[in-house]
PDB file of N, CA and C in Angstrom:
ATOM      1  N   MET A   1       6.278   5.322 -18.565  1.00  0.00           N
ATOM      2  CA  MET A   1       6.787   6.606 -19.044  1.00  0.00           C
ATOM      3  C   MET A   1       8.309   6.568 -19.214  1.00  0.00           C
ATOM      4  N   THR A   2       8.813   7.003 -20.331  1.00  0.00           N
ATOM      5  CA  THR A   2      10.257   7.044 -20.571  1.00  0.00           C
ATOM      6  C   THR A   2      10.704   8.500 -20.848  1.00  0.00           C
ATOM      7  N   LYS A   3      11.938   8.740 -20.492  1.00  0.00           N
ATOM      8  CA  LYS A   3      12.503  10.065 -20.700  1.00  0.00           C
ATOM      9  C   LYS A   3      13.969   9.902 -21.143  1.00  0.00           C
ATOM     10  N   ALA A   4      14.347  10.473 -22.230  1.00  0.00           N
ATOM     11  CA  ALA A   4      15.724  10.416 -22.716  1.00  0.00           C
ATOM     12  C   ALA A   4      16.562  11.408 -21.922  1.00  0.00           C
ATOM     13  N   VAL A   5      17.800  11.055 -21.591  1.00  0.00           N
ATOM     14  CA  VAL A   5      18.670  11.909 -20.849  1.00  0.00           C
ATOM     15  C   VAL A   5      19.750  12.435 -21.774  1.00  0.00           C
ATOM     16  N   HIS A   6      19.974  13.789 -21.651  1.00  0.00           N
ATOM     17  CA  HIS A   6      21.045  14.419 -22.455  1.00  0.00           C
ATOM     18  C   HIS A   6      21.684  15.483 -21.588  1.00  0.00           C
ATOM     19  N   THR A   7      23.016  15.455 -21.565  1.00  0.00           N
ATOM     20  CA  THR A   7      23.800  16.479 -20.896  1.00  0.00           C
ATOM     21  C   THR A   7      24.959  16.864 -21.797  1.00  0.00           C
ATOM     22  N   LYS A   8      25.294  18.167 -21.773  1.00  0.00           N
ATOM     23  CA  LYS A   8      26.463  18.656 -22.513  1.00  0.00           C
ATOM     24  C   LYS A   8      27.802  18.342 -21.784  1.00  0.00           C
ATOM     25  N   HIS A   9      27.657  17.767 -20.546  1.00  0.00           N
ATOM     26  CA  HIS A   9      28.835  17.463 -19.737  1.00  0.00           C
ATOM     27  C   HIS A   9      29.398  16.066 -19.968  1.00  0.00           C
ATOM     28  N   ALA A  10      28.800  15.393 -21.007  1.00  0.00           N
ATOM     29  CA  ALA A  10      29.230  14.076 -21.480  1.00  0.00           C
ATOM     30  C   ALA A  10      29.195  14.126 -22.979  1.00  0.00           C
ATOM     31  N   PRO A  11      29.976  13.227 -23.653  1.00  0.00           N
ATOM     32  CA  PRO A  11      29.939  13.293 -25.148  1.00  0.00           C
ATOM     33  C   PRO A  11      28.583  12.945 -25.688  1.00  0.00           C
ATOM     34  N   ALA A  12      28.237  13.649 -26.737  1.00  0.00           N
ATOM     35  CA  ALA A  12      26.948  13.346 -27.450  1.00  0.00           C
ATOM     36  C   ALA A  12      27.028  11.926 -27.982  1.00  0.00           C
ATOM     37  N   ALA A  13      25.842  11.309 -28.148  1.00  0.00           N
ATOM     38  CA  ALA A  13      25.806   9.971 -28.771  1.00  0.00           C
ATOM     39  C   ALA A  13      26.381  10.012 -30.165  1.00  0.00           C
ATOM     40  N   ILE A  14      27.120   8.967 -30.513  1.00  0.00           N
ATOM     41  CA  ILE A  14      27.758   8.921 -31.849  1.00  0.00           C
ATOM     42  C   ILE A  14      26.979   8.048 -32.795  1.00  0.00           C
ATOM     43  N   GLY A  15      25.688   7.828 -32.470  1.00  0.00           N
ATOM     44  CA  GLY A  15      24.809   7.016 -33.304  1.00  0.00           C
ATOM     45  C   GLY A  15      23.374   7.354 -32.944  1.00  0.00           C
ATOM     46  N   PRO A  16      22.432   6.555 -33.440  1.00  0.00           N
ATOM     47  CA  PRO A  16      21.042   6.817 -33.210  1.00  0.00           C
ATOM     48  C   PRO A  16      20.523   6.275 -31.855  1.00  0.00           C
ATOM     49  N   TYR A  17      21.036   6.848 -30.798  1.00  0.00           N
ATOM     50  CA  TYR A  17      20.678   6.455 -29.412  1.00  0.00           C
ATOM     51  C   TYR A  17      20.875   7.640 -28.481  1.00  0.00           C
ATOM     52  N   SER A  18      20.355   7.536 -27.288  1.00  0.00           N
ATOM     53  CA  SER A  18      20.482   8.579 -26.292  1.00  0.00           C
ATOM     54  C   SER A  18      21.661   8.257 -25.335  1.00  0.00           C
ATOM     55  N   GLN A  19      22.068   9.291 -24.557  1.00  0.00           N
ATOM     56  CA  GLN A  19      23.101   9.052 -23.557  1.00  0.00           C
ATOM     57  C   GLN A  19      22.578   8.090 -22.453  1.00  0.00           C
ATOM     58  N   GLY A  20      21.277   8.085 -22.294  1.00  0.00           N
ATOM     59  CA  GLY A  20      20.636   7.187 -21.356  1.00  0.00           C
ATOM     60  C   GLY A  20      19.136   7.425 -21.401  1.00  0.00           C
ATOM     61  N   ILE A  21      18.406   6.598 -20.664  1.00  0.00           N
ATOM     62  CA  ILE A  21      16.982   6.706 -20.656  1.00  0.00           C
ATOM     63  C   ILE A  21      16.475   6.342 -19.274  1.00  0.00           C
ATOM     64  N   ILE A  22      15.456   7.083 -18.821  1.00  0.00           N
ATOM     65  CA  ILE A  22      14.807   6.786 -17.541  1.00  0.00           C
ATOM     66  C   ILE A  22      13.508   6.114 -17.845  1.00  0.00           C
ATOM     67  N   VAL A  23      13.234   4.956 -17.181  1.00  0.00           N
ATOM     68  CA  VAL A  23      11.992   4.262 -17.250  1.00  0.00           C
ATOM     69  C   VAL A  23      11.473   4.092 -15.835  1.00  0.00           C
ATOM     70  N   ASN A  24      10.356   4.689 -15.528  1.00  0.00           N
ATOM     71  CA  ASN A  24       9.816   4.732 -14.161  1.00  0.00           C
ATOM     72  C   ASN A  24      10.897   5.309 -13.290  1.00  0.00           C
ATOM     73  N   ASN A  25      11.429   4.627 -12.313  1.00  0.00           N
ATOM     74  CA  ASN A  25      12.469   5.173 -11.430  1.00  0.00           C
ATOM     75  C   ASN A  25      13.829   4.535 -11.695  1.00  0.00           C
ATOM     76  N   MET A  26      14.031   3.972 -12.891  1.00  0.00           N
ATOM     77  CA  MET A  26      15.344   3.386 -13.237  1.00  0.00           C
ATOM     78  C   MET A  26      15.983   4.108 -14.352  1.00  0.00           C
ATOM     79  N   PHE A  27      17.292   4.300 -14.236  1.00  0.00           N
ATOM     80  CA  PHE A  27      18.072   4.930 -15.292  1.00  0.00           C
ATOM     81  C   PHE A  27      18.956   3.875 -15.955  1.00  0.00           C
ATOM     82  N   TYR A  28      18.954   3.862 -17.261  1.00  0.00           N
ATOM     83  CA  TYR A  28      19.783   2.917 -18.044  1.00  0.00           C
ATOM     84  C   TYR A  28      20.720   3.754 -18.922  1.00  0.00           C
ATOM     85  N   SER A  29      22.035   3.711 -18.648  1.00  0.00           N
ATOM     86  CA  SER A  29      22.959   4.486 -19.465  1.00  0.00           C
ATOM     87  C   SER A  29      23.309   3.747 -20.738  1.00  0.00           C
ATOM     88  N   SER A  30      23.605   4.483 -21.751  1.00  0.00           N
ATOM     89  CA  SER A  30      24.298   3.882 -22.907  1.00  0.00           C
ATOM     90  C   SER A  30      25.732   3.625 -22.495  1.00  0.00           C
ATOM     91  N   GLY A  31      26.403   2.793 -23.170  1.00  0.00           N
ATOM     92  CA  GLY A  31      27.799   2.571 -22.910  1.00  0.00           C
ATOM     93  C   GLY A  31      28.618   3.804 -23.104  1.00  0.00           C
ATOM     94  N   GLN A  32      29.467   4.107 -22.167  1.00  0.00           N
ATOM     95  CA  GLN A  32      30.354   5.294 -22.274  1.00  0.00           C
ATOM     96  C   GLN A  32      31.770   4.849 -22.589  1.00  0.00           C
ATOM     97  N   ILE A  33      32.315   5.450 -23.593  1.00  0.00           N
ATOM     98  CA  ILE A  33      33.715   5.251 -23.962  1.00  0.00           C
ATOM     99  C   ILE A  33      34.488   6.497 -23.627  1.00  0.00           C
ATOM    100  N   PRO A  34      35.802   6.452 -23.664  1.00  0.00           N
ATOM    101  CA  PRO A  34      36.621   7.625 -23.243  1.00  0.00           C
ATOM    102  C   PRO A  34      36.673   8.768 -24.186  1.00  0.00           C
ATOM    103  N   LEU A  35      35.523   9.339 -24.519  1.00  0.00           N
ATOM    104  CA  LEU A  35      35.430  10.586 -25.223  1.00  0.00           C
ATOM    105  C   LEU A  35      35.224  11.737 -24.299  1.00  0.00           C
ATOM    106  N   THR A  36      35.887  12.872 -24.561  1.00  0.00           N
ATOM    107  CA  THR A  36      35.611  14.017 -23.750  1.00  0.00           C
ATOM    108  C   THR A  36      34.236  14.602 -24.116  1.00  0.00           C
ATOM    109  N   PRO A  37      33.662  15.536 -23.322  1.00  0.00           N
ATOM    110  CA  PRO A  37      32.380  16.099 -23.705  1.00  0.00           C
ATOM    111  C   PRO A  37      32.402  16.743 -25.056  1.00  0.00           C
ATOM    112  N   SER A  38      33.563  17.217 -25.527  1.00  0.00           N
ATOM    113  CA  SER A  38      33.634  17.805 -26.890  1.00  0.00           C
ATOM    114  C   SER A  38      33.788  16.720 -27.979  1.00  0.00           C
ATOM    115  N   GLY A  39      33.864  15.497 -27.601  1.00  0.00           N
ATOM    116  CA  GLY A  39      33.942  14.399 -28.578  1.00  0.00           C
ATOM    117  C   GLY A  39      35.347  13.933 -28.936  1.00  0.00           C
ATOM    118  N   GLU A  40      36.352  14.408 -28.214  1.00  0.00           N
ATOM    119  CA  GLU A  40      37.707  14.021 -28.506  1.00  0.00           C
ATOM    120  C   GLU A  40      38.065  12.737 -27.717  1.00  0.00           C
ATOM    121  N   MET A  41      38.737  11.813 -28.400  1.00  0.00           N
ATOM    122  CA  MET A  41      39.098  10.561 -27.789  1.00  0.00           C
ATOM    123  C   MET A  41      40.262  10.770 -26.846  1.00  0.00           C
ATOM    124  N   VAL A  42      40.196  10.188 -25.626  1.00  0.00           N
ATOM    125  CA  VAL A  42      41.344  10.197 -24.696  1.00  0.00           C
ATOM    126  C   VAL A  42      42.220   8.977 -25.123  1.00  0.00           C
ATOM    127  N   ASN A  43      43.412   9.322 -25.598  1.00  0.00           N
ATOM    128  CA  ASN A  43      44.259   8.283 -26.167  1.00  0.00           C
ATOM    129  C   ASN A  43      45.327   7.778 -25.146  1.00  0.00           C
ATOM    130  N   GLY A  44      45.134   8.028 -23.887  1.00  0.00           N
ATOM    131  CA  GLY A  44      46.025   7.573 -22.843  1.00  0.00           C
ATOM    132  C   GLY A  44      45.955   6.087 -22.643  1.00  0.00           C
ATOM    133  N   ASP A  45      46.567   5.674 -21.528  1.00  0.00           N
ATOM    134  CA  ASP A  45      46.498   4.277 -21.150  1.00  0.00           C
ATOM    135  C   ASP A  45      45.089   3.914 -20.626  1.00  0.00           C
ATOM    136  N   ILE A  46      44.871   2.638 -20.283  1.00  0.00           N
ATOM    137  CA  ILE A  46      43.517   2.192 -19.912  1.00  0.00           C
ATOM    138  C   ILE A  46      43.082   2.839 -18.641  1.00  0.00           C
ATOM    139  N   LYS A  47      44.026   3.217 -17.719  1.00  0.00           N
ATOM    140  CA  LYS A  47      43.571   3.914 -16.498  1.00  0.00           C
ATOM    141  C   LYS A  47      43.035   5.313 -16.832  1.00  0.00           C
ATOM    142  N   GLU A  48      43.738   6.034 -17.687  1.00  0.00           N
ATOM    143  CA  GLU A  48      43.247   7.342 -18.132  1.00  0.00           C
ATOM    144  C   GLU A  48      41.903   7.241 -18.853  1.00  0.00           C
ATOM    145  N   GLN A  49      41.819   6.228 -19.679  1.00  0.00           N
ATOM    146  CA  GLN A  49      40.529   6.043 -20.428  1.00  0.00           C
ATOM    147  C   GLN A  49      39.406   5.712 -19.458  1.00  0.00           C
ATOM    148  N   THR A  50      39.701   4.864 -18.449  1.00  0.00           N
ATOM    149  CA  THR A  50      38.642   4.508 -17.487  1.00  0.00           C
ATOM    150  C   THR A  50      38.203   5.709 -16.687  1.00  0.00           C
ATOM    151  N   HIS A  51      39.113   6.534 -16.266  1.00  0.00           N
ATOM    152  CA  HIS A  51      38.744   7.756 -15.536  1.00  0.00           C
ATOM    153  C   HIS A  51      37.810   8.632 -16.389  1.00  0.00           C
ATOM    154  N   GLN A  52      38.091   8.759 -17.691  1.00  0.00           N
ATOM    155  CA  GLN A  52      37.233   9.560 -18.536  1.00  0.00           C
ATOM    156  C   GLN A  52      35.832   8.942 -18.661  1.00  0.00           C
ATOM    157  N   VAL A  53      35.796   7.596 -18.768  1.00  0.00           N
ATOM    158  CA  VAL A  53      34.504   6.902 -18.831  1.00  0.00           C
ATOM    159  C   VAL A  53      33.671   7.191 -17.532  1.00  0.00           C
ATOM    160  N   PHE A  54      34.363   7.178 -16.430  1.00  0.00           N
ATOM    161  CA  PHE A  54      33.643   7.486 -15.148  1.00  0.00           C
ATOM    162  C   PHE A  54      33.222   8.916 -15.080  1.00  0.00           C
ATOM    163  N   SER A  55      33.999   9.826 -15.609  1.00  0.00           N
ATOM    164  CA  SER A  55      33.565  11.235 -15.697  1.00  0.00           C
ATOM    165  C   SER A  55      32.316  11.382 -16.531  1.00  0.00           C
ATOM    166  N   ASN A  56      32.244  10.682 -17.641  1.00  0.00           N
ATOM    167  CA  ASN A  56      31.039  10.676 -18.510  1.00  0.00           C
ATOM    168  C   ASN A  56      29.869  10.064 -17.765  1.00  0.00           C
ATOM    169  N   LEU A  57      30.086   8.934 -17.081  1.00  0.00           N
ATOM    170  CA  LEU A  57      28.981   8.298 -16.392  1.00  0.00           C
ATOM    171  C   LEU A  57      28.463   9.199 -15.264  1.00  0.00           C
ATOM    172  N   LYS A  58      29.374   9.866 -14.550  1.00  0.00           N
ATOM    173  CA  LYS A  58      28.960  10.787 -13.475  1.00  0.00           C
ATOM    174  C   LYS A  58      28.006  11.850 -14.052  1.00  0.00           C
ATOM    175  N   ALA A  59      28.389  12.420 -15.202  1.00  0.00           N
ATOM    176  CA  ALA A  59      27.563  13.456 -15.830  1.00  0.00           C
ATOM    177  C   ALA A  59      26.195  12.978 -16.188  1.00  0.00           C
ATOM    178  N   VAL A  60      26.094  11.823 -16.822  1.00  0.00           N
ATOM    179  CA  VAL A  60      24.774  11.355 -17.237  1.00  0.00           C
ATOM    180  C   VAL A  60      23.934  10.909 -16.075  1.00  0.00           C
ATOM    181  N   LEU A  61      24.631  10.274 -15.060  1.00  0.00           N
ATOM    182  CA  LEU A  61      23.872   9.908 -13.854  1.00  0.00           C
ATOM    183  C   LEU A  61      23.296  11.103 -13.145  1.00  0.00           C
ATOM    184  N   GLU A  62      24.113  12.187 -13.029  1.00  0.00           N
ATOM    185  CA  GLU A  62      23.615  13.426 -12.342  1.00  0.00           C
ATOM    186  C   GLU A  62      22.489  13.975 -13.107  1.00  0.00           C
ATOM    187  N   GLU A  63      22.567  14.045 -14.451  1.00  0.00           N
ATOM    188  CA  GLU A  63      21.486  14.579 -15.251  1.00  0.00           C
ATOM    189  C   GLU A  63      20.239  13.827 -15.083  1.00  0.00           C
ATOM    190  N   ALA A  64      20.365  12.532 -14.823  1.00  0.00           N
ATOM    191  CA  ALA A  64      19.163  11.645 -14.643  1.00  0.00           C
ATOM    192  C   ALA A  64      18.607  11.715 -13.205  1.00  0.00           C
ATOM    193  N   GLY A  65      19.322  12.368 -12.292  1.00  0.00           N
ATOM    194  CA  GLY A  65      18.900  12.395 -10.896  1.00  0.00           C
ATOM    195  C   GLY A  65      19.380  11.197 -10.124  1.00  0.00           C
ATOM    196  N   ALA A  66      20.454  10.585 -10.582  1.00  0.00           N
ATOM    197  CA  ALA A  66      21.031   9.412  -9.946  1.00  0.00           C
ATOM    198  C   ALA A  66      22.463   9.726  -9.579  1.00  0.00           C
ATOM    199  N   SER A  67      23.182   8.732  -9.093  1.00  0.00           N
ATOM    200  CA  SER A  67      24.555   8.900  -8.717  1.00  0.00           C
ATOM    201  C   SER A  67      25.263   7.534  -8.632  1.00  0.00           C
ATOM    202  N   PHE A  68      26.578   7.545  -8.460  1.00  0.00           N
ATOM    203  CA  PHE A  68      27.268   6.295  -8.292  1.00  0.00           C
ATOM    204  C   PHE A  68      26.721   5.461  -7.143  1.00  0.00           C
ATOM    205  N   GLU A  69      26.223   6.136  -6.115  1.00  0.00           N
ATOM    206  CA  GLU A  69      25.685   5.448  -4.911  1.00  0.00           C
ATOM    207  C   GLU A  69      24.347   4.719  -5.224  1.00  0.00           C
ATOM    208  N   THR A  70      23.671   5.118  -6.312  1.00  0.00           N
ATOM    209  CA  THR A  70      22.413   4.491  -6.623  1.00  0.00           C
ATOM    210  C   THR A  70      22.508   3.488  -7.800  1.00  0.00           C
ATOM    211  N   VAL A  71      23.749   3.257  -8.256  1.00  0.00           N
ATOM    212  CA  VAL A  71      23.953   2.285  -9.350  1.00  0.00           C
ATOM    213  C   VAL A  71      23.697   0.878  -8.756  1.00  0.00           C
ATOM    214  N   VAL A  72      22.922   0.077  -9.460  1.00  0.00           N
ATOM    215  CA  VAL A  72      22.659  -1.310  -9.012  1.00  0.00           C
ATOM    216  C   VAL A  72      23.391  -2.320  -9.890  1.00  0.00           C
ATOM    217  N   LYS A  73      23.792  -1.961 -11.117  1.00  0.00           N
ATOM    218  CA  LYS A  73      24.486  -2.882 -11.962  1.00  0.00           C
ATOM    219  C   LYS A  73      25.382  -2.153 -12.927  1.00  0.00           C
ATOM    220  N   ALA A  74      26.572  -2.616 -13.131  1.00  0.00           N
ATOM    221  CA  ALA A  74      27.510  -2.057 -14.062  1.00  0.00           C
ATOM    222  C   ALA A  74      27.999  -3.207 -15.016  1.00  0.00           C
ATOM    223  N   THR A  75      28.153  -2.844 -16.258  1.00  0.00           N
ATOM    224  CA  THR A  75      28.741  -3.785 -17.242  1.00  0.00           C
ATOM    225  C   THR A  75      29.953  -3.144 -17.861  1.00  0.00           C
ATOM    226  N   VAL A  76      31.085  -3.830 -17.723  1.00  0.00           N
ATOM    227  CA  VAL A  76      32.342  -3.288 -18.202  1.00  0.00           C
ATOM    228  C   VAL A  76      32.743  -4.123 -19.427  1.00  0.00           C
ATOM    229  N   PHE A  77      33.055  -3.447 -20.528  1.00  0.00           N
ATOM    230  CA  PHE A  77      33.603  -4.113 -21.684  1.00  0.00           C
ATOM    231  C   PHE A  77      35.029  -3.705 -21.869  1.00  0.00           C
ATOM    232  N   ILE A  78      35.938  -4.658 -21.979  1.00  0.00           N
ATOM    233  CA  ILE A  78      37.343  -4.275 -22.174  1.00  0.00           C
ATOM    234  C   ILE A  78      37.877  -5.021 -23.399  1.00  0.00           C
ATOM    235  N   ALA A  79      38.836  -4.364 -24.043  1.00  0.00           N
ATOM    236  CA  ALA A  79      39.427  -4.940 -25.276  1.00  0.00           C
ATOM    237  C   ALA A  79      40.437  -6.033 -24.937  1.00  0.00           C
ATOM    238  N   ASP A  80      40.997  -6.038 -23.726  1.00  0.00           N
ATOM    239  CA  ASP A  80      42.034  -6.974 -23.395  1.00  0.00           C
ATOM    240  C   ASP A  80      41.927  -7.345 -21.889  1.00  0.00           C
ATOM    241  N   MET A  81      41.542  -8.564 -21.597  1.00  0.00           N
ATOM    242  CA  MET A  81      41.361  -8.997 -20.221  1.00  0.00           C
ATOM    243  C   MET A  81      42.653  -8.895 -19.442  1.00  0.00           C
ATOM    244  N   GLU A  82      43.769  -8.828 -20.091  1.00  0.00           N
ATOM    245  CA  GLU A  82      45.062  -8.637 -19.408  1.00  0.00           C
ATOM    246  C   GLU A  82      45.091  -7.309 -18.654  1.00  0.00           C
ATOM    247  N   GLN A  83      44.232  -6.393 -19.034  1.00  0.00           N
ATOM    248  CA  GLN A  83      44.188  -5.031 -18.396  1.00  0.00           C
ATOM    249  C   GLN A  83      43.100  -4.966 -17.349  1.00  0.00           C
ATOM    250  N   PHE A  84      42.520  -6.073 -16.985  1.00  0.00           N
ATOM    251  CA  PHE A  84      41.445  -6.117 -15.980  1.00  0.00           C
ATOM    252  C   PHE A  84      41.874  -5.489 -14.661  1.00  0.00           C
ATOM    253  N   ALA A  85      43.051  -5.759 -14.185  1.00  0.00           N
ATOM    254  CA  ALA A  85      43.524  -5.261 -12.908  1.00  0.00           C
ATOM    255  C   ALA A  85      43.567  -3.729 -12.885  1.00  0.00           C
ATOM    256  N   GLU A  86      44.034  -3.122 -13.995  1.00  0.00           N
ATOM    257  CA  GLU A  86      44.106  -1.680 -14.095  1.00  0.00           C
ATOM    258  C   GLU A  86      42.719  -1.055 -14.080  1.00  0.00           C
ATOM    259  N   VAL A  87      41.829  -1.627 -14.837  1.00  0.00           N
ATOM    260  CA  VAL A  87      40.431  -1.152 -14.871  1.00  0.00           C
ATOM    261  C   VAL A  87      39.803  -1.293 -13.483  1.00  0.00           C
ATOM    262  N   ASN A  88      40.033  -2.442 -12.878  1.00  0.00           N
ATOM    263  CA  ASN A  88      39.456  -2.714 -11.543  1.00  0.00           C
ATOM    264  C   ASN A  88      39.995  -1.726 -10.496  1.00  0.00           C
ATOM    265  N   GLU A  89      41.249  -1.332 -10.625  1.00  0.00           N
ATOM    266  CA  GLU A  89      41.845  -0.343  -9.676  1.00  0.00           C
ATOM    267  C   GLU A  89      41.110   0.996  -9.759  1.00  0.00           C
ATOM    268  N   VAL A  90      40.882   1.444 -11.002  1.00  0.00           N
ATOM    269  CA  VAL A  90      40.162   2.731 -11.202  1.00  0.00           C
ATOM    270  C   VAL A  90      38.691   2.536 -10.775  1.00  0.00           C
ATOM    271  N   TYR A  91      38.102   1.443 -11.167  1.00  0.00           N
ATOM    272  CA  TYR A  91      36.659   1.180 -10.850  1.00  0.00           C
ATOM    273  C   TYR A  91      36.479   1.269  -9.324  1.00  0.00           C
ATOM    274  N   GLY A  92      37.396   0.738  -8.559  1.00  0.00           N
ATOM    275  CA  GLY A  92      37.270   0.735  -7.104  1.00  0.00           C
ATOM    276  C   GLY A  92      37.348   2.134  -6.475  1.00  0.00           C
ATOM    277  N   GLN A  93      37.896   3.060  -7.205  1.00  0.00           N
ATOM    278  CA  GLN A  93      37.943   4.455  -6.710  1.00  0.00           C
ATOM    279  C   GLN A  93      36.557   5.096  -6.785  1.00  0.00           C
ATOM    280  N   TYR A  94      35.744   4.617  -7.711  1.00  0.00           N
ATOM    281  CA  TYR A  94      34.388   5.179  -7.829  1.00  0.00           C
ATOM    282  C   TYR A  94      33.334   4.338  -7.071  1.00  0.00           C
ATOM    283  N   PHE A  95      33.622   3.082  -6.914  1.00  0.00           N
ATOM    284  CA  PHE A  95      32.723   2.177  -6.184  1.00  0.00           C
ATOM    285  C   PHE A  95      33.531   1.584  -4.991  1.00  0.00           C
ATOM    286  N   ASP A  96      33.742   2.360  -3.991  1.00  0.00           N
ATOM    287  CA  ASP A  96      34.547   1.994  -2.832  1.00  0.00           C
ATOM    288  C   ASP A  96      33.709   1.230  -1.832  1.00  0.00           C
ATOM    289  N   THR A  97      32.834   1.944  -1.171  1.00  0.00           N
ATOM    290  CA  THR A  97      31.973   1.319  -0.138  1.00  0.00           C
ATOM    291  C   THR A  97      30.731   0.708  -0.751  1.00  0.00           C
ATOM    292  N   HIS A  98      30.165   1.407  -1.757  1.00  0.00           N
ATOM    293  CA  HIS A  98      28.963   0.916  -2.461  1.00  0.00           C
ATOM    294  C   HIS A  98      29.453   0.002  -3.606  1.00  0.00           C
ATOM    295  N   LYS A  99      29.027  -1.211  -3.663  1.00  0.00           N
ATOM    296  CA  LYS A  99      29.523  -2.166  -4.610  1.00  0.00           C
ATOM    297  C   LYS A  99      28.358  -2.801  -5.378  1.00  0.00           C
ATOM    298  N   PRO A 100      27.979  -2.186  -6.509  1.00  0.00           N
ATOM    299  CA  PRO A 100      26.856  -2.728  -7.291  1.00  0.00           C
ATOM    300  C   PRO A 100      27.249  -4.035  -7.935  1.00  0.00           C
ATOM    301  N   ALA A 101      26.248  -4.745  -8.426  1.00  0.00           N
ATOM    302  CA  ALA A 101      26.504  -6.019  -9.197  1.00  0.00           C
ATOM    303  C   ALA A 101      27.297  -5.526 -10.448  1.00  0.00           C
ATOM    304  N   ARG A 102      28.071  -6.457 -11.002  1.00  0.00           N
ATOM    305  CA  ARG A 102      28.916  -6.079 -12.137  1.00  0.00           C
ATOM    306  C   ARG A 102      29.207  -7.364 -12.991  1.00  0.00           C
ATOM    307  N   SER A 103      29.318  -7.061 -14.249  1.00  0.00           N
ATOM    308  CA  SER A 103      29.843  -8.072 -15.213  1.00  0.00           C
ATOM    309  C   SER A 103      31.032  -7.423 -15.937  1.00  0.00           C
ATOM    310  N   CYS A 104      31.977  -8.190 -16.341  1.00  0.00           N
ATOM    311  CA  CYS A 104      33.076  -7.685 -17.084  1.00  0.00           C
ATOM    312  C   CYS A 104      33.326  -8.649 -18.257  1.00  0.00           C
ATOM    313  N   VAL A 105      33.328  -8.089 -19.471  1.00  0.00           N
ATOM    314  CA  VAL A 105      33.346  -8.928 -20.686  1.00  0.00           C
ATOM    315  C   VAL A 105      34.489  -8.416 -21.597  1.00  0.00           C
ATOM    316  N   GLU A 106      35.320  -9.340 -22.059  1.00  0.00           N
ATOM    317  CA  GLU A 106      36.306  -8.995 -23.066  1.00  0.00           C
ATOM    318  C   GLU A 106      35.646  -9.058 -24.439  1.00  0.00           C
ATOM    319  N   VAL A 107      35.904  -8.017 -25.231  1.00  0.00           N
ATOM    320  CA  VAL A 107      35.279  -7.928 -26.535  1.00  0.00           C
ATOM    321  C   VAL A 107      36.383  -7.805 -27.606  1.00  0.00           C
ATOM    322  N   ALA A 108      36.001  -8.116 -28.841  1.00  0.00           N
ATOM    323  CA  ALA A 108      36.998  -8.065 -29.915  1.00  0.00           C
ATOM    324  C   ALA A 108      37.397  -6.643 -30.311  1.00  0.00           C
ATOM    325  N   ARG A 109      36.400  -5.733 -30.193  1.00  0.00           N
ATOM    326  CA  ARG A 109      36.708  -4.348 -30.537  1.00  0.00           C
ATOM    327  C   ARG A 109      35.617  -3.450 -29.995  1.00  0.00           C
ATOM    328  N   LEU A 110      36.003  -2.231 -29.623  1.00  0.00           N
ATOM    329  CA  LEU A 110      35.070  -1.224 -29.131  1.00  0.00           C
ATOM    330  C   LEU A 110      35.028  -0.036 -30.076  1.00  0.00           C
ATOM    331  N   PRO A 111      33.944   0.765 -30.036  1.00  0.00           N
ATOM    332  CA  PRO A 111      33.852   1.923 -30.907  1.00  0.00           C
ATOM    333  C   PRO A 111      35.112   2.804 -30.741  1.00  0.00           C
ATOM    334  N   LYS A 112      35.566   3.350 -31.859  1.00  0.00           N
ATOM    335  CA  LYS A 112      36.709   4.254 -31.932  1.00  0.00           C
ATOM    336  C   LYS A 112      38.008   3.622 -31.329  1.00  0.00           C
ATOM    337  N   ASP A 113      38.011   2.292 -31.306  1.00  0.00           N
ATOM    338  CA  ASP A 113      39.122   1.507 -30.788  1.00  0.00           C
ATOM    339  C   ASP A 113      39.441   1.857 -29.312  1.00  0.00           C
ATOM    340  N   ALA A 114      38.402   2.193 -28.592  1.00  0.00           N
ATOM    341  CA  ALA A 114      38.556   2.434 -27.135  1.00  0.00           C
ATOM    342  C   ALA A 114      39.038   1.164 -26.458  1.00  0.00           C
ATOM    343  N   LEU A 115      39.688   1.340 -25.336  1.00  0.00           N
ATOM    344  CA  LEU A 115      40.178   0.187 -24.565  1.00  0.00           C
ATOM    345  C   LEU A 115      39.132  -0.315 -23.565  1.00  0.00           C
ATOM    346  N   VAL A 116      38.163   0.580 -23.201  1.00  0.00           N
ATOM    347  CA  VAL A 116      37.169   0.243 -22.196  1.00  0.00           C
ATOM    348  C   VAL A 116      35.857   0.999 -22.485  1.00  0.00           C
ATOM    349  N   GLU A 117      34.760   0.357 -22.140  1.00  0.00           N
ATOM    350  CA  GLU A 117      33.433   0.944 -22.218  1.00  0.00           C
ATOM    351  C   GLU A 117      32.625   0.445 -21.061  1.00  0.00           C
ATOM    352  N   ILE A 118      31.857   1.328 -20.409  1.00  0.00           N
ATOM    353  CA  ILE A 118      31.055   0.902 -19.235  1.00  0.00           C
ATOM    354  C   ILE A 118      29.642   1.458 -19.391  1.00  0.00           C
ATOM    355  N   GLU A 119      28.677   0.665 -19.003  1.00  0.00           N
ATOM    356  CA  GLU A 119      27.289   1.086 -18.934  1.00  0.00           C
ATOM    357  C   GLU A 119      26.789   0.717 -17.548  1.00  0.00           C
ATOM    358  N   VAL A 120      25.785   1.530 -17.079  1.00  0.00           N
ATOM    359  CA  VAL A 120      25.276   1.318 -15.718  1.00  0.00           C
ATOM    360  C   VAL A 120      23.695   1.360 -15.736  1.00  0.00           C
ATOM    361  N   ILE A 121      23.183   0.741 -14.715  1.00  0.00           N
ATOM    362  CA  ILE A 121      21.742   0.856 -14.399  1.00  0.00           C
ATOM    363  C   ILE A 121      21.696   1.361 -12.962  1.00  0.00           C
ATOM    364  N   ALA A 122      20.828   2.435 -12.771  1.00  0.00           N
ATOM    365  CA  ALA A 122      20.770   3.063 -11.444  1.00  0.00           C
ATOM    366  C   ALA A 122      19.359   3.445 -11.079  1.00  0.00           C
ATOM    367  N   LEU A 123      19.127   3.513  -9.771  1.00  0.00           N
ATOM    368  CA  LEU A 123      17.846   4.021  -9.260  1.00  0.00           C
ATOM    369  C   LEU A 123      17.881   5.551  -9.363  1.00  0.00           C
ATOM    370  N   VAL A 124      16.785   6.160  -9.768  1.00  0.00           N
ATOM    371  CA  VAL A 124      16.683   7.599  -9.791  1.00  0.00           C
ATOM    372  C   VAL A 124      16.159   8.041  -8.401  1.00  0.00           C
ATOM    373  N   LYS A 125      16.833   9.022  -7.806  1.00  0.00           N
ATOM    374  CA  LYS A 125      16.483   9.501  -6.512  1.00  0.00           C
ATOM    375  C   LYS A 125      15.135  10.173  -6.493  1.00  0.00           C
TER     376      LYS A 125
END
């Protein structure tokens, strides 16, 4: 059984996909970029963009019945690996005691020229 997740507290999908999907008791988010729920791009530095990404992830996780504490895997895409330390600093504010598995990949370009995109997999409570 699958169920698409949608919340107005995160930006709507900008293509033919859902904000996330629940399969059995697992939630798979789509990648979140630093768009506000109204669809405006956060044009600040990578720390500001990463905080917005986590705000979006929190909203879709909550809508799915999950949370940062139930995330088992995160994948971080960044446009410049030189900014890894800044992303990691913000990331650690959301995953302090609970530390899910993670991959971090430098990419040539992200949608809307975002500096960071993050997707997660989480257990649904």
